[in-house]
């Protein structure tokens, strides 16, 4: 069943006023992140939250036809840890419909300077209000390391909290300008083991990378009002701290790809071939490779007319 957006890809005058300005785009290009204007209504955000609770209670509109080997998928028996559930845009129609709001894709297209924006991945996240829970602390990383089978360098992520989100709740924090850093030779050749490194190694990698580029690490916690969205470039280092508030931090990490992105074969330095979850989920191209434009799982959000 295709879950492609049936909503026309058009904006109202009010929505066009919410797009990034030329100055905003320049800021994103320089800093690697951008905090949007209010893109979602309170009603849309509240609906995301209520739909997420139904999802945690067992509701599914559909499930993946095959389970990828590295799927992030919290289950109640996993306990009070930080919850991650991939492909939420596919498994829940209410959440998927809100995420496919054309305005969100149009903002991403402006920032990425792309003619088309497609879904790449979505993860429903619940960070419990447990200050000492180690799973709540997300170490420094950048998303491009996980997407080695993608050709594009313009991919980006929209972080969408379901409420006002600040440092007390363990908000997402950017390392300013880090998307422009070059990697050391050692990091570049071992980058595909990035997801397997522990927290201390990742912290050290951030410091080493900054020193290699002759810059200091400047961390910018994102204070995100309800309905606003934080965007970051696929090479921007980011992480998040403990939730020391009295309520859970709820959000969706919505990964986006430009229309020119394609699958590529990529090997680690030890010769093993890299795989991404999509590779066993999406349809195949005429050449037999995973199709990262499969409209069933990776629908178009925005296309410039």
C-alpha atoms as a PDB file:
ATOM      1  CA  UNK A   1       0.000   0.000   0.000  1.00  0.00           C
ATOM      2  CA  UNK A   2       1.505   3.295  -1.076  1.00  0.00           C
ATOM      3  CA  UNK A   3       1.522   6.044   1.553  1.00  0.00           C
ATOM      4  CA  UNK A   4       2.493   8.819  -0.854  1.00  0.00           C
ATOM      5  CA  UNK A   5       1.123  12.224   0.075  1.00  0.00           C
ATOM      6  CA  UNK A   6      -2.106  13.064  -1.734  1.00  0.00           C
ATOM      7  CA  UNK A   7      -1.960  16.707  -0.647  1.00  0.00           C
ATOM      8  CA  UNK A   8      -1.117  19.093  -3.501  1.00  0.00           C
ATOM      9  CA  UNK A   9       2.413  20.433  -3.253  1.00  0.00           C
ATOM     10  CA  UNK A  10       1.422  24.062  -2.907  1.00  0.00           C
ATOM     11  CA  UNK A  11       1.668  26.702  -0.206  1.00  0.00           C
ATOM     12  CA  UNK A  12      -0.702  29.408   0.933  1.00  0.00           C
ATOM     13  CA  UNK A  13       0.467  33.003   1.182  1.00  0.00           C
ATOM     14  CA  UNK A  14       0.641  32.572   4.957  1.00  0.00           C
ATOM     15  CA  UNK A  15       2.844  29.488   4.578  1.00  0.00           C
ATOM     16  CA  UNK A  16       5.154  31.174   2.083  1.00  0.00           C
ATOM     17  CA  UNK A  17       5.807  33.824   4.717  1.00  0.00           C
ATOM     18  CA  UNK A  18       7.196  31.062   6.952  1.00  0.00           C
ATOM     19  CA  UNK A  19       9.878  29.966   4.496  1.00  0.00           C
ATOM     20  CA  UNK A  20      13.535  30.713   5.282  1.00  0.00           C
ATOM     21  CA  UNK A  21      14.690  34.063   3.936  1.00  0.00           C
ATOM     22  CA  UNK A  22      17.857  34.435   1.879  1.00  0.00           C
ATOM     23  CA  UNK A  23      19.602  35.473   5.087  1.00  0.00           C
ATOM     24  CA  UNK A  24      18.306  32.354   6.836  1.00  0.00           C
ATOM     25  CA  UNK A  25      19.669  30.150   4.058  1.00  0.00           C
ATOM     26  CA  UNK A  26      23.034  31.902   4.278  1.00  0.00           C
ATOM     27  CA  UNK A  27      23.018  31.268   8.043  1.00  0.00           C
ATOM     28  CA  UNK A  28      22.307  27.566   7.512  1.00  0.00           C
ATOM     29  CA  UNK A  29      25.107  27.310   4.950  1.00  0.00           C
ATOM     30  CA  UNK A  30      27.557  28.898   7.390  1.00  0.00           C
ATOM     31  CA  UNK A  31      26.444  27.334  10.682  1.00  0.00           C
ATOM     32  CA  UNK A  32      24.923  23.996   9.633  1.00  0.00           C
ATOM     33  CA  UNK A  33      21.645  24.428  11.501  1.00  0.00           C
ATOM     34  CA  UNK A  34      18.477  26.524  11.425  1.00  0.00           C
ATOM     35  CA  UNK A  35      15.566  27.099  13.799  1.00  0.00           C
ATOM     36  CA  UNK A  36      12.362  27.573  11.845  1.00  0.00           C
ATOM     37  CA  UNK A  37       9.361  29.773  12.334  1.00  0.00           C
ATOM     38  CA  UNK A  38       6.183  28.054  13.560  1.00  0.00           C
ATOM     39  CA  UNK A  39       5.512  25.419  10.889  1.00  0.00           C
ATOM     40  CA  UNK A  40       2.944  23.300  12.725  1.00  0.00           C
ATOM     41  CA  UNK A  41      -0.218  24.384  14.518  1.00  0.00           C
ATOM     42  CA  UNK A  42      -0.747  23.469  18.156  1.00  0.00           C
ATOM     43  CA  UNK A  43      -3.497  21.113  16.979  1.00  0.00           C
ATOM     44  CA  UNK A  44      -1.105  19.283  14.633  1.00  0.00           C
ATOM     45  CA  UNK A  45       1.510  18.919  17.359  1.00  0.00           C
ATOM     46  CA  UNK A  46      -1.071  17.688  19.881  1.00  0.00           C
ATOM     47  CA  UNK A  47      -2.246  15.153  17.309  1.00  0.00           C
ATOM     48  CA  UNK A  48       1.311  13.902  16.886  1.00  0.00           C
ATOM     49  CA  UNK A  49       1.494  13.323  20.630  1.00  0.00           C
ATOM     50  CA  UNK A  50      -1.843  11.530  20.916  1.00  0.00           C
ATOM     51  CA  UNK A  51      -1.040   9.377  17.872  1.00  0.00           C
ATOM     52  CA  UNK A  52       2.316   8.476  19.403  1.00  0.00           C
ATOM     53  CA  UNK A  53       0.553   7.275  22.553  1.00  0.00           C
ATOM     54  CA  UNK A  54      -1.731   5.064  20.443  1.00  0.00           C
ATOM     55  CA  UNK A  55       1.362   3.735  18.688  1.00  0.00           C
ATOM     56  CA  UNK A  56       3.036   2.886  21.994  1.00  0.00           C
ATOM     57  CA  UNK A  57      -0.216   1.177  22.977  1.00  0.00           C
ATOM     58  CA  UNK A  58       0.032  -1.131  19.965  1.00  0.00           C
ATOM     59  CA  UNK A  59      -1.764   0.676  17.133  1.00  0.00           C
ATOM     60  CA  UNK A  60      -0.314   0.168  13.642  1.00  0.00           C
ATOM     61  CA  UNK A  61      -1.830   1.105  10.294  1.00  0.00           C
ATOM     62  CA  UNK A  62       0.746  -1.177   8.655  1.00  0.00           C
ATOM     63  CA  UNK A  63       4.049  -2.767   9.488  1.00  0.00           C
ATOM     64  CA  UNK A  64       7.210  -3.169   7.465  1.00  0.00           C
ATOM     65  CA  UNK A  65       7.088  -6.159   5.089  1.00  0.00           C
ATOM     66  CA  UNK A  66      10.546  -7.203   6.268  1.00  0.00           C
ATOM     67  CA  UNK A  67      12.439  -6.336   9.447  1.00  0.00           C
ATOM     68  CA  UNK A  68      15.852  -4.766   8.723  1.00  0.00           C
ATOM     69  CA  UNK A  69      18.727  -6.105  10.830  1.00  0.00           C
ATOM     70  CA  UNK A  70      19.514  -2.780  12.533  1.00  0.00           C
ATOM     71  CA  UNK A  71      15.997  -1.476  13.031  1.00  0.00           C
ATOM     72  CA  UNK A  72      15.498   0.773  16.077  1.00  0.00           C
ATOM     73  CA  UNK A  73      12.196  -0.421  17.514  1.00  0.00           C
ATOM     74  CA  UNK A  74      11.315   0.060  21.192  1.00  0.00           C
ATOM     75  CA  UNK A  75       8.860  -2.408  22.719  1.00  0.00           C
ATOM     76  CA  UNK A  76       7.186  -2.206  26.151  1.00  0.00           C
ATOM     77  CA  UNK A  77       9.324  -5.060  27.442  1.00  0.00           C
ATOM     78  CA  UNK A  78      12.415  -2.901  26.788  1.00  0.00           C
ATOM     79  CA  UNK A  79      11.492  -0.856  29.842  1.00  0.00           C
ATOM     80  CA  UNK A  80      11.871   2.841  30.789  1.00  0.00           C
ATOM     81  CA  UNK A  81      14.795   3.606  28.497  1.00  0.00           C
ATOM     82  CA  UNK A  82      14.894   6.157  25.700  1.00  0.00           C
ATOM     83  CA  UNK A  83      12.517   4.891  23.009  1.00  0.00           C
ATOM     84  CA  UNK A  84      13.371   4.929  19.304  1.00  0.00           C
ATOM     85  CA  UNK A  85      10.979   3.633  16.641  1.00  0.00           C
ATOM     86  CA  UNK A  86      12.044   3.874  13.001  1.00  0.00           C
ATOM     87  CA  UNK A  87       9.728   4.180   9.960  1.00  0.00           C
ATOM     88  CA  UNK A  88       7.023   5.894  12.034  1.00  0.00           C
ATOM     89  CA  UNK A  89       5.948   7.831   8.912  1.00  0.00           C
ATOM     90  CA  UNK A  90       5.124   4.489   7.271  1.00  0.00           C
ATOM     91  CA  UNK A  91       3.555   2.588  10.156  1.00  0.00           C
ATOM     92  CA  UNK A  92       1.215   5.319  11.399  1.00  0.00           C
ATOM     93  CA  UNK A  93      -1.000   7.199   8.948  1.00  0.00           C
ATOM     94  CA  UNK A  94      -1.844  10.053  11.330  1.00  0.00           C
ATOM     95  CA  UNK A  95       1.800  10.799  12.069  1.00  0.00           C
ATOM     96  CA  UNK A  96       2.835  10.233   8.460  1.00  0.00           C
ATOM     97  CA  UNK A  97       0.181  12.595   7.168  1.00  0.00           C
ATOM     98  CA  UNK A  98       1.315  15.429   9.425  1.00  0.00           C
ATOM     99  CA  UNK A  99       4.992  14.861   8.609  1.00  0.00           C
ATOM    100  CA  UNK A 100       4.221  15.078   4.897  1.00  0.00           C
ATOM    101  CA  UNK A 101       2.959  18.646   5.273  1.00  0.00           C
ATOM    102  CA  UNK A 102       4.270  20.413   2.133  1.00  0.00           C
ATOM    103  CA  UNK A 103       5.479  23.419   4.134  1.00  0.00           C
ATOM    104  CA  UNK A 104       8.028  21.260   5.968  1.00  0.00           C
ATOM    105  CA  UNK A 105       9.408  19.953   2.683  1.00  0.00           C
ATOM    106  CA  UNK A 106       9.479  23.439   1.189  1.00  0.00           C
ATOM    107  CA  UNK A 107      11.562  24.742   4.111  1.00  0.00           C
ATOM    108  CA  UNK A 108      13.996  21.833   3.712  1.00  0.00           C
ATOM    109  CA  UNK A 109      14.229  22.475  -0.027  1.00  0.00           C
ATOM    110  CA  UNK A 110      15.170  26.104   0.604  1.00  0.00           C
ATOM    111  CA  UNK A 111      17.870  25.141   3.096  1.00  0.00           C
ATOM    112  CA  UNK A 112      19.313  22.339   0.966  1.00  0.00           C
ATOM    113  CA  UNK A 113      18.957  24.416  -2.211  1.00  0.00           C
ATOM    114  CA  UNK A 114      17.199  21.452  -3.787  1.00  0.00           C
ATOM    115  CA  UNK A 115      14.416  21.152  -6.339  1.00  0.00           C
ATOM    116  CA  UNK A 116      12.890  18.146  -4.579  1.00  0.00           C
ATOM    117  CA  UNK A 117      12.811  16.764  -1.040  1.00  0.00           C
ATOM    118  CA  UNK A 118      11.925  13.170  -0.185  1.00  0.00           C
ATOM    119  CA  UNK A 119      11.580  11.312   3.092  1.00  0.00           C
ATOM    120  CA  UNK A 120      14.680   9.322   4.001  1.00  0.00           C
ATOM    121  CA  UNK A 121      13.864   8.032   7.498  1.00  0.00           C
ATOM    122  CA  UNK A 122      11.794   8.963  10.530  1.00  0.00           C
ATOM    123  CA  UNK A 123      12.248   8.006  14.155  1.00  0.00           C
ATOM    124  CA  UNK A 124       9.748   8.504  16.948  1.00  0.00           C
ATOM    125  CA  UNK A 125      11.669   9.379  20.124  1.00  0.00           C
ATOM    126  CA  UNK A 126      10.607   9.376  23.771  1.00  0.00           C
ATOM    127  CA  UNK A 127      13.185  10.486  26.340  1.00  0.00           C
ATOM    128  CA  UNK A 128      11.836   9.610  29.806  1.00  0.00           C
ATOM    129  CA  UNK A 129      12.083  12.040  32.699  1.00  0.00           C
ATOM    130  CA  UNK A 130      14.738   9.950  34.437  1.00  0.00           C
ATOM    131  CA  UNK A 131      17.825  12.135  35.021  1.00  0.00           C
ATOM    132  CA  UNK A 132      20.195   9.210  35.547  1.00  0.00           C
ATOM    133  CA  UNK A 133      19.051   7.128  32.565  1.00  0.00           C
ATOM    134  CA  UNK A 134      22.160   6.624  30.445  1.00  0.00           C
ATOM    135  CA  UNK A 135      20.211   5.887  27.253  1.00  0.00           C
ATOM    136  CA  UNK A 136      18.907   9.470  27.394  1.00  0.00           C
ATOM    137  CA  UNK A 137      22.347  10.868  26.629  1.00  0.00           C
ATOM    138  CA  UNK A 138      23.016  10.894  22.892  1.00  0.00           C
ATOM    139  CA  UNK A 139      26.765  11.166  22.150  1.00  0.00           C
ATOM    140  CA  UNK A 140      28.229  13.515  19.552  1.00  0.00           C
ATOM    141  CA  UNK A 141      27.776  12.257  16.007  1.00  0.00           C
ATOM    142  CA  UNK A 142      26.712  13.369  12.575  1.00  0.00           C
ATOM    143  CA  UNK A 143      24.126  11.645  10.435  1.00  0.00           C
ATOM    144  CA  UNK A 144      26.135  11.349   7.233  1.00  0.00           C
ATOM    145  CA  UNK A 145      28.275   8.663   8.897  1.00  0.00           C
ATOM    146  CA  UNK A 146      25.212   6.401   8.979  1.00  0.00           C
ATOM    147  CA  UNK A 147      24.251   7.152   5.379  1.00  0.00           C
ATOM    148  CA  UNK A 148      27.345   5.980   3.508  1.00  0.00           C
ATOM    149  CA  UNK A 149      25.170   4.238   0.920  1.00  0.00           C
ATOM    150  CA  UNK A 150      23.732   7.625  -0.104  1.00  0.00           C
ATOM    151  CA  UNK A 151      25.401   9.774  -2.741  1.00  0.00           C
ATOM    152  CA  UNK A 152      24.102  13.133  -1.568  1.00  0.00           C
ATOM    153  CA  UNK A 153      25.929  15.626   0.646  1.00  0.00           C
ATOM    154  CA  UNK A 154      22.806  17.813   0.950  1.00  0.00           C
ATOM    155  CA  UNK A 155      20.719  15.549   3.169  1.00  0.00           C
ATOM    156  CA  UNK A 156      19.374  17.105   6.349  1.00  0.00           C
ATOM    157  CA  UNK A 157      17.329  16.352   9.443  1.00  0.00           C
ATOM    158  CA  UNK A 158      14.283  18.074  10.907  1.00  0.00           C
ATOM    159  CA  UNK A 159      13.948  17.635  14.679  1.00  0.00           C
ATOM    160  CA  UNK A 160      10.280  18.077  15.635  1.00  0.00           C
ATOM    161  CA  UNK A 161       9.443  18.155  19.379  1.00  0.00           C
ATOM    162  CA  UNK A 162       5.851  17.746  20.520  1.00  0.00           C
ATOM    163  CA  UNK A 163       6.130  20.630  23.017  1.00  0.00           C
ATOM    164  CA  UNK A 164       8.413  23.480  23.968  1.00  0.00           C
ATOM    165  CA  UNK A 165      11.850  21.866  24.179  1.00  0.00           C
ATOM    166  CA  UNK A 166      14.818  23.292  26.062  1.00  0.00           C
ATOM    167  CA  UNK A 167      18.000  22.271  27.882  1.00  0.00           C
ATOM    168  CA  UNK A 168      16.104  21.001  30.924  1.00  0.00           C
ATOM    169  CA  UNK A 169      14.468  18.380  28.706  1.00  0.00           C
ATOM    170  CA  UNK A 170      17.712  17.346  27.046  1.00  0.00           C
ATOM    171  CA  UNK A 171      17.146  19.197  23.804  1.00  0.00           C
ATOM    172  CA  UNK A 172      19.183  18.555  20.671  1.00  0.00           C
ATOM    173  CA  UNK A 173      22.461  20.481  20.726  1.00  0.00           C
ATOM    174  CA  UNK A 174      24.448  21.504  17.635  1.00  0.00           C
ATOM    175  CA  UNK A 175      28.186  21.925  17.225  1.00  0.00           C
ATOM    176  CA  UNK A 176      28.186  25.184  15.340  1.00  0.00           C
ATOM    177  CA  UNK A 177      29.792  25.103  11.884  1.00  0.00           C
ATOM    178  CA  UNK A 178      30.990  21.507  12.233  1.00  0.00           C
ATOM    179  CA  UNK A 179      29.419  20.501   8.896  1.00  0.00           C
ATOM    180  CA  UNK A 180      32.286  22.375   7.237  1.00  0.00           C
ATOM    181  CA  UNK A 181      35.028  20.453   9.029  1.00  0.00           C
ATOM    182  CA  UNK A 182      37.310  18.055   7.238  1.00  0.00           C
ATOM    183  CA  UNK A 183      37.831  14.657   8.814  1.00  0.00           C
ATOM    184  CA  UNK A 184      41.222  13.368   9.775  1.00  0.00           C
ATOM    185  CA  UNK A 185      42.558  10.625   7.529  1.00  0.00           C
ATOM    186  CA  UNK A 186      42.106   8.053  10.295  1.00  0.00           C
ATOM    187  CA  UNK A 187      38.507   9.083  10.960  1.00  0.00           C
ATOM    188  CA  UNK A 188      37.654   9.137   7.290  1.00  0.00           C
ATOM    189  CA  UNK A 189      38.895   5.591   6.659  1.00  0.00           C
ATOM    190  CA  UNK A 190      37.131   4.163   9.709  1.00  0.00           C
ATOM    191  CA  UNK A 191      33.993   6.288   9.556  1.00  0.00           C
ATOM    192  CA  UNK A 192      31.672   3.400   8.857  1.00  0.00           C
ATOM    193  CA  UNK A 193      32.405   1.964  12.296  1.00  0.00           C
ATOM    194  CA  UNK A 194      31.060   5.220  13.755  1.00  0.00           C
ATOM    195  CA  UNK A 195      27.854   3.627  15.038  1.00  0.00           C
ATOM    196  CA  UNK A 196      29.847   0.963  16.871  1.00  0.00           C
ATOM    197  CA  UNK A 197      31.989   3.370  18.926  1.00  0.00           C
ATOM    198  CA  UNK A 198      31.230   4.036  22.582  1.00  0.00           C
ATOM    199  CA  UNK A 199      30.403   7.454  24.026  1.00  0.00           C
ATOM    200  CA  UNK A 200      33.918   8.316  25.187  1.00  0.00           C
ATOM    201  CA  UNK A 201      35.347   7.521  21.755  1.00  0.00           C
ATOM    202  CA  UNK A 202      32.763   9.733  20.077  1.00  0.00           C
ATOM    203  CA  UNK A 203      33.474  12.600  22.471  1.00  0.00           C
ATOM    204  CA  UNK A 204      37.177  12.213  21.715  1.00  0.00           C
ATOM    205  CA  UNK A 205      36.483  12.110  17.976  1.00  0.00           C
ATOM    206  CA  UNK A 206      34.673  15.451  18.220  1.00  0.00           C
ATOM    207  CA  UNK A 207      37.609  17.101  20.001  1.00  0.00           C
ATOM    208  CA  UNK A 208      40.145  15.564  17.606  1.00  0.00           C
ATOM    209  CA  UNK A 209      38.155  16.713  14.623  1.00  0.00           C
ATOM    210  CA  UNK A 210      37.927  20.269  15.957  1.00  0.00           C
ATOM    211  CA  UNK A 211      41.688  20.346  16.651  1.00  0.00           C
ATOM    212  CA  UNK A 212      42.410  18.980  13.182  1.00  0.00           C
ATOM    213  CA  UNK A 213      40.399  21.878  11.729  1.00  0.00           C
ATOM    214  CA  UNK A 214      41.994  24.459  14.032  1.00  0.00           C
ATOM    215  CA  UNK A 215      38.718  25.478  15.663  1.00  0.00           C
ATOM    216  CA  UNK A 216      37.068  25.289  19.060  1.00  0.00           C
ATOM    217  CA  UNK A 217      33.959  23.249  19.762  1.00  0.00           C
ATOM    218  CA  UNK A 218      31.014  25.648  20.100  1.00  0.00           C
ATOM    219  CA  UNK A 219      27.894  23.886  21.361  1.00  0.00           C
ATOM    220  CA  UNK A 220      24.496  25.473  20.737  1.00  0.00           C
ATOM    221  CA  UNK A 221      21.515  23.963  22.624  1.00  0.00           C
ATOM    222  CA  UNK A 222      18.370  24.409  20.548  1.00  0.00           C
ATOM    223  CA  UNK A 223      15.493  26.023  22.436  1.00  0.00           C
ATOM    224  CA  UNK A 224      12.547  25.042  20.255  1.00  0.00           C
ATOM    225  CA  UNK A 225       9.089  26.552  20.845  1.00  0.00           C
ATOM    226  CA  UNK A 226       6.078  24.320  20.256  1.00  0.00           C
ATOM    227  CA  UNK A 227       5.366  24.010  16.525  1.00  0.00           C
ATOM    228  CA  UNK A 228       8.841  25.150  15.495  1.00  0.00           C
ATOM    229  CA  UNK A 229      11.423  22.816  13.960  1.00  0.00           C
ATOM    230  CA  UNK A 230      15.189  22.552  14.257  1.00  0.00           C
ATOM    231  CA  UNK A 231      16.998  21.610  11.028  1.00  0.00           C
ATOM    232  CA  UNK A 232      20.606  20.482  10.710  1.00  0.00           C
ATOM    233  CA  UNK A 233      22.933  19.504   7.877  1.00  0.00           C
ATOM    234  CA  UNK A 234      23.867  15.842   7.516  1.00  0.00           C
ATOM    235  CA  UNK A 235      27.470  16.619   8.548  1.00  0.00           C
ATOM    236  CA  UNK A 236      26.665  18.772  11.560  1.00  0.00           C
ATOM    237  CA  UNK A 237      27.810  17.207  14.817  1.00  0.00           C
ATOM    238  CA  UNK A 238      24.991  17.038  17.355  1.00  0.00           C
ATOM    239  CA  UNK A 239      23.929  15.211  20.505  1.00  0.00           C
ATOM    240  CA  UNK A 240      21.710  15.650  23.542  1.00  0.00           C
ATOM    241  CA  UNK A 241      21.891  15.474  27.308  1.00  0.00           C
ATOM    242  CA  UNK A 242      19.810  14.130  30.165  1.00  0.00           C
ATOM    243  CA  UNK A 243      16.153  14.944  30.629  1.00  0.00           C
ATOM    244  CA  UNK A 244      16.084  16.517  34.097  1.00  0.00           C
ATOM    245  CA  UNK A 245      12.541  17.893  33.766  1.00  0.00           C
ATOM    246  CA  UNK A 246       9.416  16.345  35.277  1.00  0.00           C
ATOM    247  CA  UNK A 247       7.972  15.207  31.923  1.00  0.00           C
ATOM    248  CA  UNK A 248       9.128  13.097  28.989  1.00  0.00           C
ATOM    249  CA  UNK A 249      10.720  14.662  25.945  1.00  0.00           C
ATOM    250  CA  UNK A 250       8.751  13.586  22.877  1.00  0.00           C
ATOM    251  CA  UNK A 251       9.900  14.236  19.327  1.00  0.00           C
ATOM    252  CA  UNK A 252      10.419  12.914  15.827  1.00  0.00           C
ATOM    253  CA  UNK A 253      13.760  12.964  14.086  1.00  0.00           C
ATOM    254  CA  UNK A 254      12.805  13.329  10.438  1.00  0.00           C
ATOM    255  CA  UNK A 255      15.647  12.622   8.015  1.00  0.00           C
ATOM    256  CA  UNK A 256      15.265  14.104   4.535  1.00  0.00           C
ATOM    257  CA  UNK A 257      16.982  13.600   1.193  1.00  0.00           C
ATOM    258  CA  UNK A 258      17.174  15.810  -1.857  1.00  0.00           C
ATOM    259  CA  UNK A 259      15.730  14.505  -5.091  1.00  0.00           C
ATOM    260  CA  UNK A 260      19.147  13.782  -6.561  1.00  0.00           C
ATOM    261  CA  UNK A 261      20.142  11.330  -3.845  1.00  0.00           C
ATOM    262  CA  UNK A 262      20.760   7.786  -5.035  1.00  0.00           C
ATOM    263  CA  UNK A 263      22.044   4.534  -3.606  1.00  0.00           C
ATOM    264  CA  UNK A 264      25.724   3.768  -4.004  1.00  0.00           C
ATOM    265  CA  UNK A 265      27.792   0.715  -3.166  1.00  0.00           C
ATOM    266  CA  UNK A 266      30.179   1.558  -0.337  1.00  0.00           C
ATOM    267  CA  UNK A 267      32.817  -0.548   1.374  1.00  0.00           C
ATOM    268  CA  UNK A 268      34.540  -0.126   4.735  1.00  0.00           C
ATOM    269  CA  UNK A 269      38.296   0.123   4.874  1.00  0.00           C
ATOM    270  CA  UNK A 270      38.380  -3.602   5.722  1.00  0.00           C
ATOM    271  CA  UNK A 271      36.534  -4.397   2.486  1.00  0.00           C
ATOM    272  CA  UNK A 272      33.119  -5.270   3.944  1.00  0.00           C
ATOM    273  CA  UNK A 273      30.134  -3.762   2.161  1.00  0.00           C
ATOM    274  CA  UNK A 274      27.948  -1.266   4.031  1.00  0.00           C
ATOM    275  CA  UNK A 275      24.197  -1.793   4.252  1.00  0.00           C
ATOM    276  CA  UNK A 276      21.416   0.548   5.365  1.00  0.00           C
ATOM    277  CA  UNK A 277      17.971  -0.570   6.572  1.00  0.00           C
ATOM    278  CA  UNK A 278      16.328   0.648   3.374  1.00  0.00           C
ATOM    279  CA  UNK A 279      18.327  -1.818   1.311  1.00  0.00           C
ATOM    280  CA  UNK A 280      16.060  -4.724   2.312  1.00  0.00           C
ATOM    281  CA  UNK A 281      12.847  -2.672   2.456  1.00  0.00           C
ATOM    282  CA  UNK A 282      12.561  -0.537  -0.683  1.00  0.00           C
ATOM    283  CA  UNK A 283      12.006  -1.729  -4.231  1.00  0.00           C
ATOM    284  CA  UNK A 284      14.916  -2.352  -6.591  1.00  0.00           C
ATOM    285  CA  UNK A 285      15.943  -0.301  -9.613  1.00  0.00           C
ATOM    286  CA  UNK A 286      16.384  -1.781 -13.089  1.00  0.00           C
ATOM    287  CA  UNK A 287      20.033  -2.274 -12.148  1.00  0.00           C
ATOM    288  CA  UNK A 288      19.045  -4.317  -9.086  1.00  0.00           C
ATOM    289  CA  UNK A 289      20.106  -1.727  -6.505  1.00  0.00           C
ATOM    290  CA  UNK A 290      17.898  -0.293  -3.715  1.00  0.00           C
ATOM    291  CA  UNK A 291      15.675   2.513  -4.994  1.00  0.00           C
ATOM    292  CA  UNK A 292      15.920   5.477  -2.625  1.00  0.00           C
ATOM    293  CA  UNK A 293      13.047   7.138  -4.479  1.00  0.00           C
ATOM    294  CA  UNK A 294      10.554   4.343  -3.711  1.00  0.00           C
ATOM    295  CA  UNK A 295       7.314   6.316  -3.140  1.00  0.00           C
ATOM    296  CA  UNK A 296       5.863   3.728  -0.764  1.00  0.00           C
ATOM    297  CA  UNK A 297       8.554   4.164   1.878  1.00  0.00           C
ATOM    298  CA  UNK A 298      10.332   7.372   0.800  1.00  0.00           C
ATOM    299  CA  UNK A 299       7.613   9.695  -0.514  1.00  0.00           C
ATOM    300  CA  UNK A 300       8.151  13.149  -1.984  1.00  0.00           C
ATOM    301  CA  UNK A 301       7.511  15.998   0.458  1.00  0.00           C
ATOM    302  CA  UNK A 302       8.166  18.884  -1.866  1.00  0.00           C
ATOM    303  CA  UNK A 303       8.933  19.530  -5.517  1.00  0.00           C
ATOM    304  CA  UNK A 304       9.470  22.995  -6.952  1.00  0.00           C
ATOM    305  CA  UNK A 305       6.995  23.694  -9.724  1.00  0.00           C
END
